[in-house]
Amino acid sequence: MKKNKVVIHLMGRDYALLTDQNPEKVQRTARYVDRKMRETAITTRAGESMVPTLTAMNLADELFRAQDENVRLKKELASRQKD
């Protein structure tokens, strides 16, 4: 599969990525991560070196909550289909 070079911007810095993903999707993801990093920097007043770690922890928490909700909804749907 062809690799695309995509330049993303996080917290005022540019990062060049080589990816086989859709460049627009990569940019959309980068914008989301950048927004979350900026929110983390503002709300925690953490030092620049801590922002990526705190952001990663927050994003992992979002992911796990979404996965838990997905499981809950699947169970609810299966229960309703039995009725």
PDB file of N, CA and C in Angstrom:
ATOM      1  N   MET A   1       0.838  -1.181   0.000  1.00  0.00           N
ATOM      2  CA  MET A   1       0.000   0.000   0.000  1.00  0.00           C
ATOM      3  C   MET A   1       0.885   1.247   0.000  1.00  0.00           C
ATOM      4  N   LYS A   2       0.447   2.262  -0.719  1.00  0.00           N
ATOM      5  CA  LYS A   2       1.213   3.498  -0.850  1.00  0.00           C
ATOM      6  C   LYS A   2       1.185   4.291   0.451  1.00  0.00           C
ATOM      7  N   LYS A   3       2.344   4.801   0.819  1.00  0.00           N
ATOM      8  CA  LYS A   3       2.460   5.652   2.005  1.00  0.00           C
ATOM      9  C   LYS A   3       2.372   7.111   1.578  1.00  0.00           C
ATOM     10  N   ASN A   4       1.630   7.879   2.347  1.00  0.00           N
ATOM     11  CA  ASN A   4       1.499   9.310   2.108  1.00  0.00           C
ATOM     12  C   ASN A   4       2.257  10.070   3.186  1.00  0.00           C
ATOM     13  N   LYS A   5       2.909  11.144   2.801  1.00  0.00           N
ATOM     14  CA  LYS A   5       3.512  12.034   3.785  1.00  0.00           C
ATOM     15  C   LYS A   5       2.471  13.074   4.153  1.00  0.00           C
ATOM     16  N   VAL A   6       2.190  13.163   5.432  1.00  0.00           N
ATOM     17  CA  VAL A   6       1.199  14.113   5.927  1.00  0.00           C
ATOM     18  C   VAL A   6       1.854  14.938   7.030  1.00  0.00           C
ATOM     19  N   VAL A   7       1.787  16.247   6.903  1.00  0.00           N
ATOM     20  CA  VAL A   7       2.326  17.131   7.939  1.00  0.00           C
ATOM     21  C   VAL A   7       1.165  17.559   8.830  1.00  0.00           C
ATOM     22  N   ILE A   8       1.322  17.285  10.126  1.00  0.00           N
ATOM     23  CA  ILE A   8       0.290  17.675  11.090  1.00  0.00           C
ATOM     24  C   ILE A   8       0.863  18.746  12.016  1.00  0.00           C
ATOM     25  N   HIS A   9      -0.017  19.461  12.671  1.00  0.00           N
ATOM     26  CA  HIS A   9       0.368  20.538  13.576  1.00  0.00           C
ATOM     27  C   HIS A   9      -0.196  20.241  14.957  1.00  0.00           C
ATOM     28  N   LEU A  10       0.695  20.134  15.943  1.00  0.00           N
ATOM     29  CA  LEU A  10       0.278  19.915  17.327  1.00  0.00           C
ATOM     30  C   LEU A  10       0.975  20.937  18.216  1.00  0.00           C
ATOM     31  N   MET A  11       0.195  21.707  18.905  1.00  0.00           N
ATOM     32  CA  MET A  11       0.713  22.699  19.851  1.00  0.00           C
ATOM     33  C   MET A  11       1.786  23.592  19.208  1.00  0.00           C
ATOM     34  N   GLY A  12       1.518  24.022  17.969  1.00  0.00           N
ATOM     35  CA  GLY A  12       2.421  24.945  17.302  1.00  0.00           C
ATOM     36  C   GLY A  12       3.639  24.316  16.653  1.00  0.00           C
ATOM     37  N   ARG A  13       3.713  22.997  16.676  1.00  0.00           N
ATOM     38  CA  ARG A  13       4.845  22.311  16.049  1.00  0.00           C
ATOM     39  C   ARG A  13       4.350  21.451  14.900  1.00  0.00           C
ATOM     40  N   ASP A  14       5.193  21.318  13.892  1.00  0.00           N
ATOM     41  CA  ASP A  14       4.867  20.485  12.739  1.00  0.00           C
ATOM     42  C   ASP A  14       5.529  19.121  12.882  1.00  0.00           C
ATOM     43  N   TYR A  15       4.780  18.095  12.490  1.00  0.00           N
ATOM     44  CA  TYR A  15       5.276  16.726  12.497  1.00  0.00           C
ATOM     45  C   TYR A  15       4.945  16.093  11.157  1.00  0.00           C
ATOM     46  N   ALA A  16       5.956  15.514  10.506  1.00  0.00           N
ATOM     47  CA  ALA A  16       5.745  14.825   9.232  1.00  0.00           C
ATOM     48  C   ALA A  16       5.530  13.340   9.527  1.00  0.00           C
ATOM     49  N   LEU A  17       4.419  12.814   9.030  1.00  0.00           N
ATOM     50  CA  LEU A  17       4.095  11.405   9.224  1.00  0.00           C
ATOM     51  C   LEU A  17       4.066  10.698   7.881  1.00  0.00           C
ATOM     52  N   LEU A  18       4.502   9.462   7.859  1.00  0.00           N
ATOM     53  CA  LEU A  18       4.313   8.594   6.706  1.00  0.00           C
ATOM     54  C   LEU A  18       3.232   7.605   7.086  1.00  0.00           C
ATOM     55  N   THR A  19       2.156   7.585   6.319  1.00  0.00           N
ATOM     56  CA  THR A  19       1.009   6.762   6.678  1.00  0.00           C
ATOM     57  C   THR A  19       0.306   6.238   5.442  1.00  0.00           C
ATOM     58  N   ASP A  20      -0.363   5.099   5.607  1.00  0.00           N
ATOM     59  CA  ASP A  20      -1.186   4.587   4.514  1.00  0.00           C
ATOM     60  C   ASP A  20      -2.647   4.998   4.703  1.00  0.00           C
ATOM     61  N   GLN A  21      -2.896   5.804   5.725  1.00  0.00           N
ATOM     62  CA  GLN A  21      -4.243   6.295   6.005  1.00  0.00           C
ATOM     63  C   GLN A  21      -4.582   7.469   5.086  1.00  0.00           C
ATOM     64  N   ASN A  22      -5.864   7.729   4.987  1.00  0.00           N
ATOM     65  CA  ASN A  22      -6.354   8.868   4.221  1.00  0.00           C
ATOM     66  C   ASN A  22      -5.818  10.158   4.853  1.00  0.00           C
ATOM     67  N   PRO A  23      -5.135  11.015   4.073  1.00  0.00           N
ATOM     68  CA  PRO A  23      -4.571  12.243   4.639  1.00  0.00           C
ATOM     69  C   PRO A  23      -5.601  13.141   5.331  1.00  0.00           C
ATOM     70  N   GLU A  24      -6.813  13.217   4.794  1.00  0.00           N
ATOM     71  CA  GLU A  24      -7.846  14.043   5.426  1.00  0.00           C
ATOM     72  C   GLU A  24      -8.219  13.479   6.803  1.00  0.00           C
ATOM     73  N   LYS A  25      -8.258  12.161   6.904  1.00  0.00           N
ATOM     74  CA  LYS A  25      -8.568  11.528   8.193  1.00  0.00           C
ATOM     75  C   LYS A  25      -7.448  11.797   9.204  1.00  0.00           C
ATOM     76  N   VAL A  26      -6.206  11.724   8.733  1.00  0.00           N
ATOM     77  CA  VAL A  26      -5.071  11.996   9.607  1.00  0.00           C
ATOM     78  C   VAL A  26      -5.122  13.441  10.084  1.00  0.00           C
ATOM     79  N   GLN A  27      -5.428  14.376   9.192  1.00  0.00           N
ATOM     80  CA  GLN A  27      -5.528  15.788   9.567  1.00  0.00           C
ATOM     81  C   GLN A  27      -6.659  16.008  10.572  1.00  0.00           C
ATOM     82  N   ARG A  28      -7.782  15.352  10.350  1.00  0.00           N
ATOM     83  CA  ARG A  28      -8.923  15.478  11.271  1.00  0.00           C
ATOM     84  C   ARG A  28      -8.540  14.968  12.658  1.00  0.00           C
ATOM     85  N   THR A  29      -7.855  13.842  12.696  1.00  0.00           N
ATOM     86  CA  THR A  29      -7.397  13.288  13.968  1.00  0.00           C
ATOM     87  C   THR A  29      -6.414  14.237  14.643  1.00  0.00           C
ATOM     88  N   ALA A  30      -5.496  14.791  13.866  1.00  0.00           N
ATOM     89  CA  ALA A  30      -4.505  15.720  14.421  1.00  0.00           C
ATOM     90  C   ALA A  30      -5.173  16.968  14.982  1.00  0.00           C
ATOM     91  N   ARG A  31      -6.179  17.475  14.287  1.00  0.00           N
ATOM     92  CA  ARG A  31      -6.899  18.654  14.806  1.00  0.00           C
ATOM     93  C   ARG A  31      -7.568  18.333  16.141  1.00  0.00           C
ATOM     94  N   TYR A  32      -8.141  17.142  16.256  1.00  0.00           N
ATOM     95  CA  TYR A  32      -8.784  16.733  17.508  1.00  0.00           C
ATOM     96  C   TYR A  32      -7.748  16.639  18.635  1.00  0.00           C
ATOM     97  N   VAL A  33      -6.620  15.980  18.349  1.00  0.00           N
ATOM     98  CA  VAL A  33      -5.567  15.841  19.356  1.00  0.00           C
ATOM     99  C   VAL A  33      -5.023  17.207  19.745  1.00  0.00           C
ATOM    100  N   ASP A  34      -4.807  18.082  18.783  1.00  0.00           N
ATOM    101  CA  ASP A  34      -4.320  19.428  19.074  1.00  0.00           C
ATOM    102  C   ASP A  34      -5.290  20.172  19.987  1.00  0.00           C
ATOM    103  N   ARG A  35      -6.581  20.072  19.670  1.00  0.00           N
ATOM    104  CA  ARG A  35      -7.589  20.732  20.509  1.00  0.00           C
ATOM    105  C   ARG A  35      -7.549  20.187  21.930  1.00  0.00           C
ATOM    106  N   LYS A  36      -7.440  18.863  22.056  1.00  0.00           N
ATOM    107  CA  LYS A  36      -7.391  18.245  23.381  1.00  0.00           C
ATOM    108  C   LYS A  36      -6.123  18.647  24.133  1.00  0.00           C
ATOM    109  N   MET A  37      -4.999  18.730  23.418  1.00  0.00           N
ATOM    110  CA  MET A  37      -3.759  19.148  24.069  1.00  0.00           C
ATOM    111  C   MET A  37      -3.862  20.586  24.567  1.00  0.00           C
ATOM    112  N   ARG A  38      -4.456  21.440  23.756  1.00  0.00           N
ATOM    113  CA  ARG A  38      -4.606  22.840  24.167  1.00  0.00           C
ATOM    114  C   ARG A  38      -5.554  22.962  25.366  1.00  0.00           C
ATOM    115  N   GLU A  39      -6.635  22.194  25.361  1.00  0.00           N
ATOM    116  CA  GLU A  39      -7.553  22.184  26.503  1.00  0.00           C
ATOM    117  C   GLU A  39      -6.831  21.709  27.759  1.00  0.00           C
ATOM    118  N   THR A  40      -6.044  20.662  27.631  1.00  0.00           N
ATOM    119  CA  THR A  40      -5.291  20.136  28.766  1.00  0.00           C
ATOM    120  C   THR A  40      -4.317  21.181  29.299  1.00  0.00           C
ATOM    121  N   ALA A  41      -3.623  21.851  28.398  1.00  0.00           N
ATOM    122  CA  ALA A  41      -2.657  22.876  28.812  1.00  0.00           C
ATOM    123  C   ALA A  41      -3.339  23.995  29.584  1.00  0.00           C
ATOM    124  N   ILE A  42      -4.538  24.382  29.142  1.00  0.00           N
ATOM    125  CA  ILE A  42      -5.257  25.478  29.794  1.00  0.00           C
ATOM    126  C   ILE A  42      -5.839  25.038  31.126  1.00  0.00           C
ATOM    127  N   THR A  43      -6.506  23.884  31.135  1.00  0.00           N
ATOM    128  CA  THR A  43      -7.226  23.479  32.347  1.00  0.00           C
ATOM    129  C   THR A  43      -6.315  22.963  33.454  1.00  0.00           C
ATOM    130  N   THR A  44      -5.166  22.407  33.097  1.00  0.00           N
ATOM    131  CA  THR A  44      -4.286  21.857  34.133  1.00  0.00           C
ATOM    132  C   THR A  44      -3.130  22.771  34.480  1.00  0.00           C
ATOM    133  N   ARG A  45      -2.831  23.678  33.571  1.00  0.00           N
ATOM    134  CA  ARG A  45      -1.660  24.540  33.727  1.00  0.00           C
ATOM    135  C   ARG A  45      -0.385  23.707  33.900  1.00  0.00           C
ATOM    136  N   ALA A  46      -0.408  22.527  33.294  1.00  0.00           N
ATOM    137  CA  ALA A  46       0.745  21.635  33.359  1.00  0.00           C
ATOM    138  C   ALA A  46       1.875  22.184  32.504  1.00  0.00           C
ATOM    139  N   GLY A  47       3.072  21.802  32.848  1.00  0.00           N
ATOM    140  CA  GLY A  47       4.222  22.183  32.044  1.00  0.00           C
ATOM    141  C   GLY A  47       4.140  21.538  30.676  1.00  0.00           C
ATOM    142  N   GLU A  48       4.852  22.134  29.739  1.00  0.00           N
ATOM    143  CA  GLU A  48       4.810  21.681  28.349  1.00  0.00           C
ATOM    144  C   GLU A  48       5.149  20.198  28.220  1.00  0.00           C
ATOM    145  N   SER A  49       6.043  19.705  29.045  1.00  0.00           N
ATOM    146  CA  SER A  49       6.449  18.297  28.931  1.00  0.00           C
ATOM    147  C   SER A  49       5.370  17.336  29.433  1.00  0.00           C
ATOM    148  N   MET A  50       4.474  17.809  30.275  1.00  0.00           N
ATOM    149  CA  MET A  50       3.421  16.945  30.821  1.00  0.00           C
ATOM    150  C   MET A  50       2.157  16.917  29.963  1.00  0.00           C
ATOM    151  N   VAL A  51       1.964  17.906  29.127  1.00  0.00           N
ATOM    152  CA  VAL A  51       0.737  18.006  28.332  1.00  0.00           C
ATOM    153  C   VAL A  51       0.493  16.767  27.466  1.00  0.00           C
ATOM    154  N   PRO A  52       1.490  16.259  26.734  1.00  0.00           N
ATOM    155  CA  PRO A  52       1.216  15.062  25.922  1.00  0.00           C
ATOM    156  C   PRO A  52       0.799  13.849  26.760  1.00  0.00           C
ATOM    157  N   THR A  53       1.430  13.661  27.914  1.00  0.00           N
ATOM    158  CA  THR A  53       1.094  12.521  28.771  1.00  0.00           C
ATOM    159  C   THR A  53      -0.313  12.655  29.325  1.00  0.00           C
ATOM    160  N   LEU A  54      -0.641  13.827  29.831  1.00  0.00           N
ATOM    161  CA  LEU A  54      -1.987  14.040  30.375  1.00  0.00           C
ATOM    162  C   LEU A  54      -3.042  13.919  29.281  1.00  0.00           C
ATOM    163  N   THR A  55      -2.730  14.429  28.103  1.00  0.00           N
ATOM    164  CA  THR A  55      -3.664  14.325  26.983  1.00  0.00           C
ATOM    165  C   THR A  55      -3.866  12.871  26.592  1.00  0.00           C
ATOM    166  N   ALA A  56      -2.788  12.108  26.535  1.00  0.00           N
ATOM    167  CA  ALA A  56      -2.901  10.679  26.212  1.00  0.00           C
ATOM    168  C   ALA A  56      -3.773   9.960  27.238  1.00  0.00           C
ATOM    169  N   MET A  57      -3.608  10.280  28.504  1.00  0.00           N
ATOM    170  CA  MET A  57      -4.433   9.657  29.546  1.00  0.00           C
ATOM    171  C   MET A  57      -5.901  10.044  29.376  1.00  0.00           C
ATOM    172  N   ASN A  58      -6.169  11.305  29.074  1.00  0.00           N
ATOM    173  CA  ASN A  58      -7.548  11.752  28.862  1.00  0.00           C
ATOM    174  C   ASN A  58      -8.180  11.079  27.645  1.00  0.00           C
ATOM    175  N   LEU A  59      -7.403  10.969  26.565  1.00  0.00           N
ATOM    176  CA  LEU A  59      -7.930  10.325  25.358  1.00  0.00           C
ATOM    177  C   LEU A  59      -8.173   8.833  25.591  1.00  0.00           C
ATOM    178  N   ALA A  60      -7.288   8.177  26.337  1.00  0.00           N
ATOM    179  CA  ALA A  60      -7.500   6.766  26.664  1.00  0.00           C
ATOM    180  C   ALA A  60      -8.763   6.605  27.506  1.00  0.00           C
ATOM    181  N   ASP A  61      -8.987   7.522  28.439  1.00  0.00           N
ATOM    182  CA  ASP A  61     -10.209   7.483  29.248  1.00  0.00           C
ATOM    183  C   ASP A  61     -11.442   7.653  28.369  1.00  0.00           C
ATOM    184  N   GLU A  62     -11.395   8.590  27.425  1.00  0.00           N
ATOM    185  CA  GLU A  62     -12.515   8.768  26.483  1.00  0.00           C
ATOM    186  C   GLU A  62     -12.775   7.480  25.703  1.00  0.00           C
ATOM    187  N   LEU A  63     -11.705   6.851  25.242  1.00  0.00           N
ATOM    188  CA  LEU A  63     -11.831   5.621  24.469  1.00  0.00           C
ATOM    189  C   LEU A  63     -12.483   4.525  25.294  1.00  0.00           C
ATOM    190  N   PHE A  64     -12.012   4.311  26.518  1.00  0.00           N
ATOM    191  CA  PHE A  64     -12.574   3.263  27.361  1.00  0.00           C
ATOM    192  C   PHE A  64     -14.033   3.534  27.708  1.00  0.00           C
ATOM    193  N   ARG A  65     -14.362   4.795  27.949  1.00  0.00           N
ATOM    194  CA  ARG A  65     -15.766   5.130  28.223  1.00  0.00           C
ATOM    195  C   ARG A  65     -16.644   4.841  27.002  1.00  0.00           C
ATOM    196  N   ALA A  66     -16.140   5.182  25.822  1.00  0.00           N
ATOM    197  CA  ALA A  66     -16.896   4.918  24.593  1.00  0.00           C
ATOM    198  C   ALA A  66     -17.041   3.417  24.363  1.00  0.00           C
ATOM    199  N   GLN A  67     -15.996   2.661  24.627  1.00  0.00           N
ATOM    200  CA  GLN A  67     -16.072   1.205  24.478  1.00  0.00           C
ATOM    201  C   GLN A  67     -17.077   0.614  25.466  1.00  0.00           C
ATOM    202  N   ASP A  68     -17.055   1.081  26.698  1.00  0.00           N
ATOM    203  CA  ASP A  68     -18.022   0.606  27.699  1.00  0.00           C
ATOM    204  C   ASP A  68     -19.450   0.923  27.271  1.00  0.00           C
ATOM    205  N   GLU A  69     -19.657   2.124  26.751  1.00  0.00           N
ATOM    206  CA  GLU A  69     -20.993   2.519  26.284  1.00  0.00           C
ATOM    207  C   GLU A  69     -21.420   1.668  25.093  1.00  0.00           C
ATOM    208  N   ASN A  70     -20.487   1.363  24.217  1.00  0.00           N
ATOM    209  CA  ASN A  70     -20.774   0.517  23.062  1.00  0.00           C
ATOM    210  C   ASN A  70     -21.223  -0.875  23.520  1.00  0.00           C
ATOM    211  N   VAL A  71     -20.525  -1.441  24.479  1.00  0.00           N
ATOM    212  CA  VAL A  71     -20.892  -2.759  25.020  1.00  0.00           C
ATOM    213  C   VAL A  71     -22.276  -2.685  25.653  1.00  0.00           C
ATOM    214  N   ARG A  72     -22.521  -1.631  26.434  1.00  0.00           N
ATOM    215  CA  ARG A  72     -23.823  -1.474  27.088  1.00  0.00           C
ATOM    216  C   ARG A  72     -24.944  -1.397  26.060  1.00  0.00           C
ATOM    217  N   LEU A  73     -24.731  -0.602  25.009  1.00  0.00           N
ATOM    218  CA  LEU A  73     -25.760  -0.447  23.980  1.00  0.00           C
ATOM    219  C   LEU A  73     -25.990  -1.749  23.208  1.00  0.00           C
ATOM    220  N   LYS A  74     -24.927  -2.501  22.939  1.00  0.00           N
ATOM    221  CA  LYS A  74     -25.079  -3.785  22.261  1.00  0.00           C
ATOM    222  C   LYS A  74     -25.896  -4.756  23.109  1.00  0.00           C
ATOM    223  N   LYS A  75     -25.639  -4.771  24.413  1.00  0.00           N
ATOM    224  CA  LYS A  75     -26.403  -5.630  25.317  1.00  0.00           C
ATOM    225  C   LYS A  75     -27.869  -5.208  25.345  1.00  0.00           C
ATOM    226  N   GLU A  76     -28.098  -3.907  25.398  1.00  0.00           N
ATOM    227  CA  GLU A  76     -29.465  -3.394  25.410  1.00  0.00           C
ATOM    228  C   GLU A  76     -30.184  -3.757  24.123  1.00  0.00           C
ATOM    229  N   LEU A  77     -29.515  -3.630  22.994  1.00  0.00           N
ATOM    230  CA  LEU A  77     -30.102  -3.982  21.707  1.00  0.00           C
ATOM    231  C   LEU A  77     -30.414  -5.476  21.630  1.00  0.00           C
ATOM    232  N   ALA A  78     -29.485  -6.294  22.089  1.00  0.00           N
ATOM    233  CA  ALA A  78     -29.718  -7.743  22.084  1.00  0.00           C
ATOM    234  C   ALA A  78     -30.889  -8.107  22.977  1.00  0.00           C
ATOM    235  N   SER A  79     -31.009  -7.428  24.107  1.00  0.00           N
ATOM    236  CA  SER A  79     -32.111  -7.687  25.026  1.00  0.00           C
ATOM    237  C   SER A  79     -33.452  -7.312  24.398  1.00  0.00           C
ATOM    238  N   ARG A  80     -33.466  -6.200  23.684  1.00  0.00           N
ATOM    239  CA  ARG A  80     -34.712  -5.751  23.047  1.00  0.00           C
ATOM    240  C   ARG A  80     -35.105  -6.659  21.873  1.00  0.00           C
ATOM    241  N   GLN A  81     -34.111  -7.215  21.189  1.00  0.00           N
ATOM    242  CA  GLN A  81     -34.389  -8.087  20.065  1.00  0.00           C
ATOM    243  C   GLN A  81     -34.960  -9.429  20.523  1.00  0.00           C
ATOM    244  N   LYS A  82     -34.653  -9.823  21.753  1.00  0.00           N
ATOM    245  CA  LYS A  82     -35.189 -11.078  22.316  1.00  0.00           C
ATOM    246  C   LYS A  82     -36.668 -10.938  22.653  1.00  0.00           C
ATOM    247  N   ASP A  83     -37.090  -9.729  22.997  1.00  0.00           N
ATOM    248  CA  ASP A  83     -38.490  -9.498  23.427  1.00  0.00           C
ATOM    249  C   ASP A  83     -39.472  -9.584  22.286  1.00  0.00           C
TER     250      ASP A  83
END
